[in-house]
Amino acid sequence: TVVVTAGDEEWSPDGVDVVRADPGEPRPA
C-alpha cells in the first residue's frame, strides 16, 4: 500500500502511496 524510498530516487510505482525519506531524518517519512 505504501513504498518508502530515498528523496533523490525517481522510481514511482503505480497504485501505491510513495513516501520519500531524507537520509539524515528518516523519522518524518
mmCIF file of all heavy atoms, coordinates in Angstrom:
data_MODEL
# 
_entry.id   MODEL 
# 
loop_
_atom_site.group_PDB 
_atom_site.id 
_atom_site.type_symbol 
_atom_site.label_atom_id 
_atom_site.label_alt_id 
_atom_site.label_comp_id 
_atom_site.label_asym_id 
_atom_site.label_entity_id 
_atom_site.label_seq_id 
_atom_site.pdbx_PDB_ins_code 
_atom_site.Cartn_x 
_atom_site.Cartn_y 
_atom_site.Cartn_z 
_atom_site.occupancy 
_atom_site.B_iso_or_equiv 
_atom_site.pdbx_formal_charge 
_atom_site.auth_seq_id 
_atom_site.auth_comp_id 
_atom_site.auth_asym_id 
_atom_site.auth_atom_id 
_atom_site.pdbx_PDB_model_num 
ATOM 1   N N   . THR A 1 1  ? 0.810  -1.218 0.000   1.00 0.00 ? 1  THR A N   1 
ATOM 2   C CA  . THR A 1 1  ? 0.000  0.000  0.000   1.00 0.00 ? 1  THR A CA  1 
ATOM 3   C C   . THR A 1 1  ? 0.844  1.268  0.000   1.00 0.00 ? 1  THR A C   1 
ATOM 4   O O   . THR A 1 1  ? 0.394  2.320  -0.441  1.00 0.00 ? 1  THR A O   1 
ATOM 5   C CB  . THR A 1 1  ? -0.921 0.036  1.233   1.00 0.00 ? 1  THR A CB  1 
ATOM 6   O OG1 . THR A 1 1  ? -0.127 -0.136 2.416   1.00 0.00 ? 1  THR A OG1 1 
ATOM 7   C CG2 . THR A 1 1  ? -1.971 -1.062 1.160   1.00 0.00 ? 1  THR A CG2 1 
ATOM 8   N N   . VAL A 1 2  ? 2.068  1.180  0.519   1.00 0.00 ? 2  VAL A N   1 
ATOM 9   C CA  . VAL A 1 2  ? 2.928  2.352  0.559   1.00 0.00 ? 2  VAL A CA  1 
ATOM 10  C C   . VAL A 1 2  ? 4.378  1.920  0.392   1.00 0.00 ? 2  VAL A C   1 
ATOM 11  O O   . VAL A 1 2  ? 4.800  0.885  0.925   1.00 0.00 ? 2  VAL A O   1 
ATOM 12  C CB  . VAL A 1 2  ? 2.740  3.137  1.885   1.00 0.00 ? 2  VAL A CB  1 
ATOM 13  C CG1 . VAL A 1 2  ? 2.997  2.251  3.091   1.00 0.00 ? 2  VAL A CG1 1 
ATOM 14  C CG2 . VAL A 1 2  ? 3.624  4.372  1.935   1.00 0.00 ? 2  VAL A CG2 1 
ATOM 15  N N   . VAL A 1 3  ? 5.122  2.691  -0.386  1.00 0.00 ? 3  VAL A N   1 
ATOM 16  C CA  . VAL A 1 3  ? 6.529  2.420  -0.649  1.00 0.00 ? 3  VAL A CA  1 
ATOM 17  C C   . VAL A 1 3  ? 7.367  3.555  -0.090  1.00 0.00 ? 3  VAL A C   1 
ATOM 18  O O   . VAL A 1 3  ? 7.051  4.740  -0.285  1.00 0.00 ? 3  VAL A O   1 
ATOM 19  C CB  . VAL A 1 3  ? 6.800  2.282  -2.165  1.00 0.00 ? 3  VAL A CB  1 
ATOM 20  C CG1 . VAL A 1 3  ? 8.303  2.220  -2.446  1.00 0.00 ? 3  VAL A CG1 1 
ATOM 21  C CG2 . VAL A 1 3  ? 6.111  1.041  -2.708  1.00 0.00 ? 3  VAL A CG2 1 
ATOM 22  N N   . VAL A 1 4  ? 8.435  3.205  0.616   1.00 0.00 ? 4  VAL A N   1 
ATOM 23  C CA  . VAL A 1 4  ? 9.368  4.201  1.139   1.00 0.00 ? 4  VAL A CA  1 
ATOM 24  C C   . VAL A 1 4  ? 10.649 4.114  0.324   1.00 0.00 ? 4  VAL A C   1 
ATOM 25  O O   . VAL A 1 4  ? 11.233 3.038  0.173   1.00 0.00 ? 4  VAL A O   1 
ATOM 26  C CB  . VAL A 1 4  ? 9.690  3.965  2.621   1.00 0.00 ? 4  VAL A CB  1 
ATOM 27  C CG1 . VAL A 1 4  ? 10.526 5.120  3.165   1.00 0.00 ? 4  VAL A CG1 1 
ATOM 28  C CG2 . VAL A 1 4  ? 8.425  3.802  3.436   1.00 0.00 ? 4  VAL A CG2 1 
ATOM 29  N N   . THR A 1 5  ? 11.079 5.245  -0.213  1.00 0.00 ? 5  THR A N   1 
ATOM 30  C CA  . THR A 1 5  ? 12.305 5.289  -0.997  1.00 0.00 ? 5  THR A CA  1 
ATOM 31  C C   . THR A 1 5  ? 13.045 6.578  -0.669  1.00 0.00 ? 5  THR A C   1 
ATOM 32  O O   . THR A 1 5  ? 12.570 7.388  0.143   1.00 0.00 ? 5  THR A O   1 
ATOM 33  C CB  . THR A 1 5  ? 11.993 5.188  -2.504  1.00 0.00 ? 5  THR A CB  1 
ATOM 34  O OG1 . THR A 1 5  ? 13.204 5.053  -3.233  1.00 0.00 ? 5  THR A OG1 1 
ATOM 35  C CG2 . THR A 1 5  ? 11.235 6.407  -2.997  1.00 0.00 ? 5  THR A CG2 1 
ATOM 36  N N   . ALA A 1 6  ? 14.208 6.779  -1.251  1.00 0.00 ? 6  ALA A N   1 
ATOM 37  C CA  . ALA A 1 6  ? 15.007 7.972  -0.966  1.00 0.00 ? 6  ALA A CA  1 
ATOM 38  C C   . ALA A 1 6  ? 14.479 9.167  -1.766  1.00 0.00 ? 6  ALA A C   1 
ATOM 39  O O   . ALA A 1 6  ? 13.868 9.009  -2.826  1.00 0.00 ? 6  ALA A O   1 
ATOM 40  C CB  . ALA A 1 6  ? 16.474 7.721  -1.300  1.00 0.00 ? 6  ALA A CB  1 
ATOM 41  N N   . GLY A 1 7  ? 14.741 10.350 -1.238  1.00 0.00 ? 7  GLY A N   1 
ATOM 42  C CA  . GLY A 1 7  ? 14.232 11.550 -1.870  1.00 0.00 ? 7  GLY A CA  1 
ATOM 43  C C   . GLY A 1 7  ? 14.752 11.791 -3.268  1.00 0.00 ? 7  GLY A C   1 
ATOM 44  O O   . GLY A 1 7  ? 14.073 12.408 -4.090  1.00 0.00 ? 7  GLY A O   1 
ATOM 45  N N   . ASP A 1 8  ? 15.955 11.314 -3.578  1.00 0.00 ? 8  ASP A N   1 
ATOM 46  C CA  . ASP A 1 8  ? 16.541 11.572 -4.898  1.00 0.00 ? 8  ASP A CA  1 
ATOM 47  C C   . ASP A 1 8  ? 16.358 10.402 -5.864  1.00 0.00 ? 8  ASP A C   1 
ATOM 48  O O   . ASP A 1 8  ? 16.924 10.411 -6.965  1.00 0.00 ? 8  ASP A O   1 
ATOM 49  C CB  . ASP A 1 8  ? 18.026 11.910 -4.760  1.00 0.00 ? 8  ASP A CB  1 
ATOM 50  C CG  . ASP A 1 8  ? 18.831 10.810 -4.073  1.00 0.00 ? 8  ASP A CG  1 
ATOM 51  O OD1 . ASP A 1 8  ? 18.211 9.793  -3.654  1.00 0.00 ? 8  ASP A OD1 1 
ATOM 52  O OD2 . ASP A 1 8  ? 20.061 10.966 -3.953  1.00 0.00 ? 8  ASP A OD2 1 
ATOM 53  N N   . GLU A 1 9  ? 15.589 9.388  -5.474  1.00 0.00 ? 9  GLU A N   1 
ATOM 54  C CA  . GLU A 1 9  ? 15.312 8.272  -6.369  1.00 0.00 ? 9  GLU A CA  1 
ATOM 55  C C   . GLU A 1 9  ? 13.985 8.518  -7.088  1.00 0.00 ? 9  GLU A C   1 
ATOM 56  O O   . GLU A 1 9  ? 12.974 8.819  -6.462  1.00 0.00 ? 9  GLU A O   1 
ATOM 57  C CB  . GLU A 1 9  ? 15.280 6.957  -5.576  1.00 0.00 ? 9  GLU A CB  1 
ATOM 58  C CG  . GLU A 1 9  ? 16.660 6.577  -5.066  1.00 0.00 ? 9  GLU A CG  1 
ATOM 59  C CD  . GLU A 1 9  ? 16.663 5.353  -4.169  1.00 0.00 ? 9  GLU A CD  1 
ATOM 60  O OE1 . GLU A 1 9  ? 15.802 5.294  -3.272  1.00 0.00 ? 9  GLU A OE1 1 
ATOM 61  O OE2 . GLU A 1 9  ? 17.533 4.479  -4.356  1.00 0.00 ? 9  GLU A OE2 1 
ATOM 62  N N   . GLU A 1 10 ? 13.993 8.390  -8.403  1.00 0.00 ? 10 GLU A N   1 
ATOM 63  C CA  . GLU A 1 10 ? 12.849 8.806  -9.211  1.00 0.00 ? 10 GLU A CA  1 
ATOM 64  C C   . GLU A 1 10 ? 11.777 7.730  -9.352  1.00 0.00 ? 10 GLU A C   1 
ATOM 65  O O   . GLU A 1 10 ? 10.717 7.974  -9.916  1.00 0.00 ? 10 GLU A O   1 
ATOM 66  C CB  . GLU A 1 10 ? 13.332 9.228  -10.600 1.00 0.00 ? 10 GLU A CB  1 
ATOM 67  C CG  . GLU A 1 10 ? 14.276 10.434 -10.560 1.00 0.00 ? 10 GLU A CG  1 
ATOM 68  C CD  . GLU A 1 10 ? 14.714 10.857 -11.938 1.00 0.00 ? 10 GLU A CD  1 
ATOM 69  O OE1 . GLU A 1 10 ? 14.320 10.183 -12.926 1.00 0.00 ? 10 GLU A OE1 1 
ATOM 70  O OE2 . GLU A 1 10 ? 15.451 11.862 -12.038 1.00 0.00 ? 10 GLU A OE2 1 
ATOM 71  N N   . TRP A 1 11 ? 12.011 6.554  -8.837  1.00 0.00 ? 11 TRP A N   1 
ATOM 72  C CA  . TRP A 1 11 ? 11.061 5.452  -9.000  1.00 0.00 ? 11 TRP A CA  1 
ATOM 73  C C   . TRP A 1 11 ? 9.733  5.784  -8.327  1.00 0.00 ? 11 TRP A C   1 
ATOM 74  O O   . TRP A 1 11 ? 9.687  6.124  -7.145  1.00 0.00 ? 11 TRP A O   1 
ATOM 75  C CB  . TRP A 1 11 ? 11.654 4.177  -8.403  1.00 0.00 ? 11 TRP A CB  1 
ATOM 76  C CG  . TRP A 1 11 ? 10.814 2.948  -8.623  1.00 0.00 ? 11 TRP A CG  1 
ATOM 77  C CD1 . TRP A 1 11 ? 10.264 2.529  -9.800  1.00 0.00 ? 11 TRP A CD1 1 
ATOM 78  C CD2 . TRP A 1 11 ? 10.435 1.996  -7.624  1.00 0.00 ? 11 TRP A CD2 1 
ATOM 79  N NE1 . TRP A 1 11 ? 9.564  1.354  -9.603  1.00 0.00 ? 11 TRP A NE1 1 
ATOM 80  C CE2 . TRP A 1 11 ? 9.661  1.006  -8.279  1.00 0.00 ? 11 TRP A CE2 1 
ATOM 81  C CE3 . TRP A 1 11 ? 10.678 1.867  -6.270  1.00 0.00 ? 11 TRP A CE3 1 
ATOM 82  C CZ2 . TRP A 1 11 ? 9.132  -0.093 -7.617  1.00 0.00 ? 11 TRP A CZ2 1 
ATOM 83  C CZ3 . TRP A 1 11 ? 10.150 0.787  -5.597  1.00 0.00 ? 11 TRP A CZ3 1 
ATOM 84  C CH2 . TRP A 1 11 ? 9.387  -0.193 -6.270  1.00 0.00 ? 11 TRP A CH2 1 
ATOM 85  N N   . SER A 1 12 ? 8.633  5.707  -9.075  1.00 0.00 ? 12 SER A N   1 
ATOM 86  C CA  . SER A 1 12 ? 7.296  5.987  -8.537  1.00 0.00 ? 12 SER A CA  1 
ATOM 87  C C   . SER A 1 12 ? 6.315  4.931  -9.032  1.00 0.00 ? 12 SER A C   1 
ATOM 88  O O   . SER A 1 12 ? 5.656  5.118  -10.062 1.00 0.00 ? 12 SER A O   1 
ATOM 89  C CB  . SER A 1 12 ? 6.822  7.387  -8.968  1.00 0.00 ? 12 SER A CB  1 
ATOM 90  O OG  . SER A 1 12 ? 7.627  8.398  -8.416  1.00 0.00 ? 12 SER A OG  1 
ATOM 91  N N   . PRO A 1 13 ? 6.228  3.813  -8.359  1.00 0.00 ? 13 PRO A N   1 
ATOM 92  C CA  . PRO A 1 13 ? 5.326  2.742  -8.800  1.00 0.00 ? 13 PRO A CA  1 
ATOM 93  C C   . PRO A 1 13 ? 3.865  3.179  -8.744  1.00 0.00 ? 13 PRO A C   1 
ATOM 94  O O   . PRO A 1 13 ? 3.473  3.975  -7.891  1.00 0.00 ? 13 PRO A O   1 
ATOM 95  C CB  . PRO A 1 13 ? 5.613  1.614  -7.804  1.00 0.00 ? 13 PRO A CB  1 
ATOM 96  C CG  . PRO A 1 13 ? 6.158  2.303  -6.598  1.00 0.00 ? 13 PRO A CG  1 
ATOM 97  C CD  . PRO A 1 13 ? 6.925  3.478  -7.104  1.00 0.00 ? 13 PRO A CD  1 
ATOM 98  N N   . ASP A 1 14 ? 3.066  2.649  -9.678  1.00 0.00 ? 14 ASP A N   1 
ATOM 99  C CA  . ASP A 1 14 ? 1.647  2.984  -9.743  1.00 0.00 ? 14 ASP A CA  1 
ATOM 100 C C   . ASP A 1 14 ? 0.854  2.221  -8.686  1.00 0.00 ? 14 ASP A C   1 
ATOM 101 O O   . ASP A 1 14 ? 1.227  1.115  -8.291  1.00 0.00 ? 14 ASP A O   1 
ATOM 102 C CB  . ASP A 1 14 ? 1.088  2.651  -11.135 1.00 0.00 ? 14 ASP A CB  1 
ATOM 103 C CG  . ASP A 1 14 ? 1.721  3.502  -12.228 1.00 0.00 ? 14 ASP A CG  1 
ATOM 104 O OD1 . ASP A 1 14 ? 2.096  4.651  -11.920 1.00 0.00 ? 14 ASP A OD1 1 
ATOM 105 O OD2 . ASP A 1 14 ? 1.833  3.011  -13.376 1.00 0.00 ? 14 ASP A OD2 1 
ATOM 106 N N   . GLY A 1 15 ? -0.245 2.819  -8.254  1.00 0.00 ? 15 GLY A N   1 
ATOM 107 C CA  . GLY A 1 15 ? -1.193 2.118  -7.391  1.00 0.00 ? 15 GLY A CA  1 
ATOM 108 C C   . GLY A 1 15 ? -0.869 2.114  -5.921  1.00 0.00 ? 15 GLY A C   1 
ATOM 109 O O   . GLY A 1 15 ? -1.593 1.485  -5.133  1.00 0.00 ? 15 GLY A O   1 
ATOM 110 N N   . VAL A 1 16 ? 0.204  2.779  -5.522  1.00 0.00 ? 16 VAL A N   1 
ATOM 111 C CA  . VAL A 1 16 ? 0.557  2.835  -4.103  1.00 0.00 ? 16 VAL A CA  1 
ATOM 112 C C   . VAL A 1 16 ? 0.994  4.253  -3.757  1.00 0.00 ? 16 VAL A C   1 
ATOM 113 O O   . VAL A 1 16 ? 1.390  5.032  -4.623  1.00 0.00 ? 16 VAL A O   1 
ATOM 114 C CB  . VAL A 1 16 ? 1.701  1.855  -3.743  1.00 0.00 ? 16 VAL A CB  1 
ATOM 115 C CG1 . VAL A 1 16 ? 1.279  0.415  -3.958  1.00 0.00 ? 16 VAL A CG1 1 
ATOM 116 C CG2 . VAL A 1 16 ? 2.963  2.179  -4.537  1.00 0.00 ? 16 VAL A CG2 1 
ATOM 117 N N   . ASP A 1 17 ? 0.932  4.584  -2.465  1.00 0.00 ? 17 ASP A N   1 
ATOM 118 C CA  . ASP A 1 17 ? 1.498  5.849  -1.998  1.00 0.00 ? 17 ASP A CA  1 
ATOM 119 C C   . ASP A 1 17 ? 3.011  5.725  -1.933  1.00 0.00 ? 17 ASP A C   1 
ATOM 120 O O   . ASP A 1 17 ? 3.541  4.665  -1.557  1.00 0.00 ? 17 ASP A O   1 
ATOM 121 C CB  . ASP A 1 17 ? 0.963  6.188  -0.606  1.00 0.00 ? 17 ASP A CB  1 
ATOM 122 C CG  . ASP A 1 17 ? -0.501 6.565  -0.616  1.00 0.00 ? 17 ASP A CG  1 
ATOM 123 O OD1 . ASP A 1 17 ? -0.852 7.566  -1.253  1.00 0.00 ? 17 ASP A OD1 1 
ATOM 124 O OD2 . ASP A 1 17 ? -1.292 5.824  0.011   1.00 0.00 ? 17 ASP A OD2 1 
ATOM 125 N N   . VAL A 1 18 ? 3.703  6.794  -2.319  1.00 0.00 ? 18 VAL A N   1 
ATOM 126 C CA  . VAL A 1 18 ? 5.167  6.804  -2.274  1.00 0.00 ? 18 VAL A CA  1 
ATOM 127 C C   . VAL A 1 18 ? 5.618  7.878  -1.284  1.00 0.00 ? 18 VAL A C   1 
ATOM 128 O O   . VAL A 1 18 ? 5.218  9.039  -1.396  1.00 0.00 ? 18 VAL A O   1 
ATOM 129 C CB  . VAL A 1 18 ? 5.775  7.081  -3.658  1.00 0.00 ? 18 VAL A CB  1 
ATOM 130 C CG1 . VAL A 1 18 ? 7.301  7.139  -3.556  1.00 0.00 ? 18 VAL A CG1 1 
ATOM 131 C CG2 . VAL A 1 18 ? 5.346  6.012  -4.655  1.00 0.00 ? 18 VAL A CG2 1 
ATOM 132 N N   . VAL A 1 19 ? 6.412  7.480  -0.310  1.00 0.00 ? 19 VAL A N   1 
ATOM 133 C CA  . VAL A 1 19 ? 6.956  8.397  0.683   1.00 0.00 ? 19 VAL A CA  1 
ATOM 134 C C   . VAL A 1 19 ? 8.461  8.445  0.515   1.00 0.00 ? 19 VAL A C   1 
ATOM 135 O O   . VAL A 1 19 ? 9.117  7.401  0.469   1.00 0.00 ? 19 VAL A O   1 
ATOM 136 C CB  . VAL A 1 19 ? 6.595  7.934  2.115   1.00 0.00 ? 19 VAL A CB  1 
ATOM 137 C CG1 . VAL A 1 19 ? 7.261  8.834  3.148   1.00 0.00 ? 19 VAL A CG1 1 
ATOM 138 C CG2 . VAL A 1 19 ? 5.088  7.917  2.299   1.00 0.00 ? 19 VAL A CG2 1 
ATOM 139 N N   . ARG A 1 20 ? 8.995  9.644  0.404   1.00 0.00 ? 20 ARG A N   1 
ATOM 140 C CA  . ARG A 1 20 ? 10.440 9.797  0.178   1.00 0.00 ? 20 ARG A CA  1 
ATOM 141 C C   . ARG A 1 20 ? 11.119 10.256 1.462   1.00 0.00 ? 20 ARG A C   1 
ATOM 142 O O   . ARG A 1 20 ? 10.693 11.215 2.096   1.00 0.00 ? 20 ARG A O   1 
ATOM 143 C CB  . ARG A 1 20 ? 10.687 10.777 -0.966  1.00 0.00 ? 20 ARG A CB  1 
ATOM 144 C CG  . ARG A 1 20 ? 9.981  10.323 -2.251  1.00 0.00 ? 20 ARG A CG  1 
ATOM 145 C CD  . ARG A 1 20 ? 10.427 11.069 -3.477  1.00 0.00 ? 20 ARG A CD  1 
ATOM 146 N NE  . ARG A 1 20 ? 9.658  10.614 -4.631  1.00 0.00 ? 20 ARG A NE  1 
ATOM 147 C CZ  . ARG A 1 20 ? 9.957  9.532  -5.350  1.00 0.00 ? 20 ARG A CZ  1 
ATOM 148 N NH1 . ARG A 1 20 ? 11.012 8.803  -5.024  1.00 0.00 ? 20 ARG A NH1 1 
ATOM 149 N NH2 . ARG A 1 20 ? 9.207  9.179  -6.374  1.00 0.00 ? 20 ARG A NH2 1 
ATOM 150 N N   . ALA A 1 21 ? 12.167 9.543  1.820   1.00 0.00 ? 21 ALA A N   1 
ATOM 151 C CA  . ALA A 1 21 ? 12.840 9.763  3.101   1.00 0.00 ? 21 ALA A CA  1 
ATOM 152 C C   . ALA A 1 21 ? 14.153 10.509 2.922   1.00 0.00 ? 21 ALA A C   1 
ATOM 153 O O   . ALA A 1 21 ? 14.870 10.303 1.941   1.00 0.00 ? 21 ALA A O   1 
ATOM 154 C CB  . ALA A 1 21 ? 13.092 8.430  3.801   1.00 0.00 ? 21 ALA A CB  1 
ATOM 155 N N   . ASP A 1 22 ? 14.446 11.349 3.889   1.00 0.00 ? 22 ASP A N   1 
ATOM 156 C CA  . ASP A 1 22 ? 15.717 12.065 3.960   1.00 0.00 ? 22 ASP A CA  1 
ATOM 157 C C   . ASP A 1 22 ? 16.712 11.165 4.698   1.00 0.00 ? 22 ASP A C   1 
ATOM 158 O O   . ASP A 1 22 ? 16.405 10.663 5.780   1.00 0.00 ? 22 ASP A O   1 
ATOM 159 C CB  . ASP A 1 22 ? 15.510 13.367 4.733   1.00 0.00 ? 22 ASP A CB  1 
ATOM 160 C CG  . ASP A 1 22 ? 16.753 14.239 4.776   1.00 0.00 ? 22 ASP A CG  1 
ATOM 161 O OD1 . ASP A 1 22 ? 17.858 13.694 4.865   1.00 0.00 ? 22 ASP A OD1 1 
ATOM 162 O OD2 . ASP A 1 22 ? 16.612 15.474 4.739   1.00 0.00 ? 22 ASP A OD2 1 
ATOM 163 N N   . PRO A 1 23 ? 17.917 10.959 4.159   1.00 0.00 ? 23 PRO A N   1 
ATOM 164 C CA  . PRO A 1 23 ? 18.873 10.075 4.838   1.00 0.00 ? 23 PRO A CA  1 
ATOM 165 C C   . PRO A 1 23 ? 19.241 10.529 6.246   1.00 0.00 ? 23 PRO A C   1 
ATOM 166 O O   . PRO A 1 23 ? 19.519 9.708  7.115   1.00 0.00 ? 23 PRO A O   1 
ATOM 167 C CB  . PRO A 1 23 ? 20.097 10.092 3.915   1.00 0.00 ? 23 PRO A CB  1 
ATOM 168 C CG  . PRO A 1 23 ? 19.918 11.270 3.025   1.00 0.00 ? 23 PRO A CG  1 
ATOM 169 C CD  . PRO A 1 23 ? 18.448 11.469 2.879   1.00 0.00 ? 23 PRO A CD  1 
ATOM 170 N N   . GLY A 1 24 ? 19.222 11.838 6.483   1.00 0.00 ? 24 GLY A N   1 
ATOM 171 C CA  . GLY A 1 24 ? 19.574 12.323 7.810   1.00 0.00 ? 24 GLY A CA  1 
ATOM 172 C C   . GLY A 1 24 ? 18.416 12.371 8.775   1.00 0.00 ? 24 GLY A C   1 
ATOM 173 O O   . GLY A 1 24 ? 18.613 12.450 9.989   1.00 0.00 ? 24 GLY A O   1 
ATOM 174 N N   . GLU A 1 25 ? 17.176 12.327 8.265   1.00 0.00 ? 25 GLU A N   1 
ATOM 175 C CA  . GLU A 1 25 ? 15.980 12.431 9.101   1.00 0.00 ? 25 GLU A CA  1 
ATOM 176 C C   . GLU A 1 25 ? 14.927 11.441 8.628   1.00 0.00 ? 25 GLU A C   1 
ATOM 177 O O   . GLU A 1 25 ? 13.940 11.830 7.984   1.00 0.00 ? 25 GLU A O   1 
ATOM 178 C CB  . GLU A 1 25 ? 15.412 13.864 9.043   1.00 0.00 ? 25 GLU A CB  1 
ATOM 179 C CG  . GLU A 1 25 ? 16.166 14.871 9.879   1.00 0.00 ? 25 GLU A CG  1 
ATOM 180 C CD  . GLU A 1 25 ? 15.943 14.658 11.364  1.00 0.00 ? 25 GLU A CD  1 
ATOM 181 O OE1 . GLU A 1 25 ? 14.907 14.056 11.724  1.00 0.00 ? 25 GLU A OE1 1 
ATOM 182 O OE2 . GLU A 1 25 ? 16.784 15.076 12.158  1.00 0.00 ? 25 GLU A OE2 1 
ATOM 183 N N   . PRO A 1 26 ? 15.089 10.154 8.926   1.00 0.00 ? 26 PRO A N   1 
ATOM 184 C CA  . PRO A 1 26 ? 14.121 9.172  8.441   1.00 0.00 ? 26 PRO A CA  1 
ATOM 185 C C   . PRO A 1 26 ? 12.775 9.218  9.163   1.00 0.00 ? 26 PRO A C   1 
ATOM 186 O O   . PRO A 1 26 ? 11.766 8.766  8.627   1.00 0.00 ? 26 PRO A O   1 
ATOM 187 C CB  . PRO A 1 26 ? 14.819 7.839  8.705   1.00 0.00 ? 26 PRO A CB  1 
ATOM 188 C CG  . PRO A 1 26 ? 15.714 8.115  9.869   1.00 0.00 ? 26 PRO A CG  1 
ATOM 189 C CD  . PRO A 1 26 ? 16.193 9.528  9.680   1.00 0.00 ? 26 PRO A CD  1 
ATOM 190 N N   . ARG A 1 27 ? 12.739 9.771  10.379  1.00 0.00 ? 27 ARG A N   1 
ATOM 191 C CA  . ARG A 1 27 ? 11.527 9.677  11.177  1.00 0.00 ? 27 ARG A CA  1 
ATOM 192 C C   . ARG A 1 27 ? 10.304 10.352 10.555  1.00 0.00 ? 27 ARG A C   1 
ATOM 193 O O   . ARG A 1 27 ? 9.201  9.797  10.584  1.00 0.00 ? 27 ARG A O   1 
ATOM 194 C CB  . ARG A 1 27 ? 11.755 10.241 12.574  1.00 0.00 ? 27 ARG A CB  1 
ATOM 195 C CG  . ARG A 1 27 ? 10.892 9.541  13.623  1.00 0.00 ? 27 ARG A CG  1 
ATOM 196 C CD  . ARG A 1 27 ? 10.717 10.344 14.870  1.00 0.00 ? 27 ARG A CD  1 
ATOM 197 N NE  . ARG A 1 27 ? 9.715  11.372 14.672  1.00 0.00 ? 27 ARG A NE  1 
ATOM 198 C CZ  . ARG A 1 27 ? 9.678  12.508 15.346  1.00 0.00 ? 27 ARG A CZ  1 
ATOM 199 N NH1 . ARG A 1 27 ? 10.591 12.766 16.245  1.00 0.00 ? 27 ARG A NH1 1 
ATOM 200 N NH2 . ARG A 1 27 ? 8.743  13.395 15.124  1.00 0.00 ? 27 ARG A NH2 1 
ATOM 201 N N   . PRO A 1 28 ? 10.432 11.574 9.974   1.00 0.00 ? 28 PRO A N   1 
ATOM 202 C CA  . PRO A 1 28 ? 9.242  12.180 9.359   1.00 0.00 ? 28 PRO A CA  1 
ATOM 203 C C   . PRO A 1 28 ? 8.613  11.299 8.284   1.00 0.00 ? 28 PRO A C   1 
ATOM 204 O O   . PRO A 1 28 ? 7.386  11.250 8.159   1.00 0.00 ? 28 PRO A O   1 
ATOM 205 C CB  . PRO A 1 28 ? 9.782  13.495 8.770   1.00 0.00 ? 28 PRO A CB  1 
ATOM 206 C CG  . PRO A 1 28 ? 10.942 13.834 9.641   1.00 0.00 ? 28 PRO A CG  1 
ATOM 207 C CD  . PRO A 1 28 ? 11.576 12.513 9.971   1.00 0.00 ? 28 PRO A CD  1 
ATOM 208 N N   . ALA A 1 29 ? 9.434  10.598 7.517   1.00 0.00 ? 29 ALA A N   1 
ATOM 209 C CA  . ALA A 1 29 ? 8.902  9.703  6.493   1.00 0.00 ? 29 ALA A CA  1 
ATOM 210 C C   . ALA A 1 29 ? 8.141  8.550  7.130   1.00 0.00 ? 29 ALA A C   1 
ATOM 211 O O   . ALA A 1 29 ? 7.059  8.162  6.667   1.00 0.00 ? 29 ALA A O   1 
ATOM 212 C CB  . ALA A 1 29 ? 10.033 9.174  5.611   1.00 0.00 ? 29 ALA A CB  1 
# 
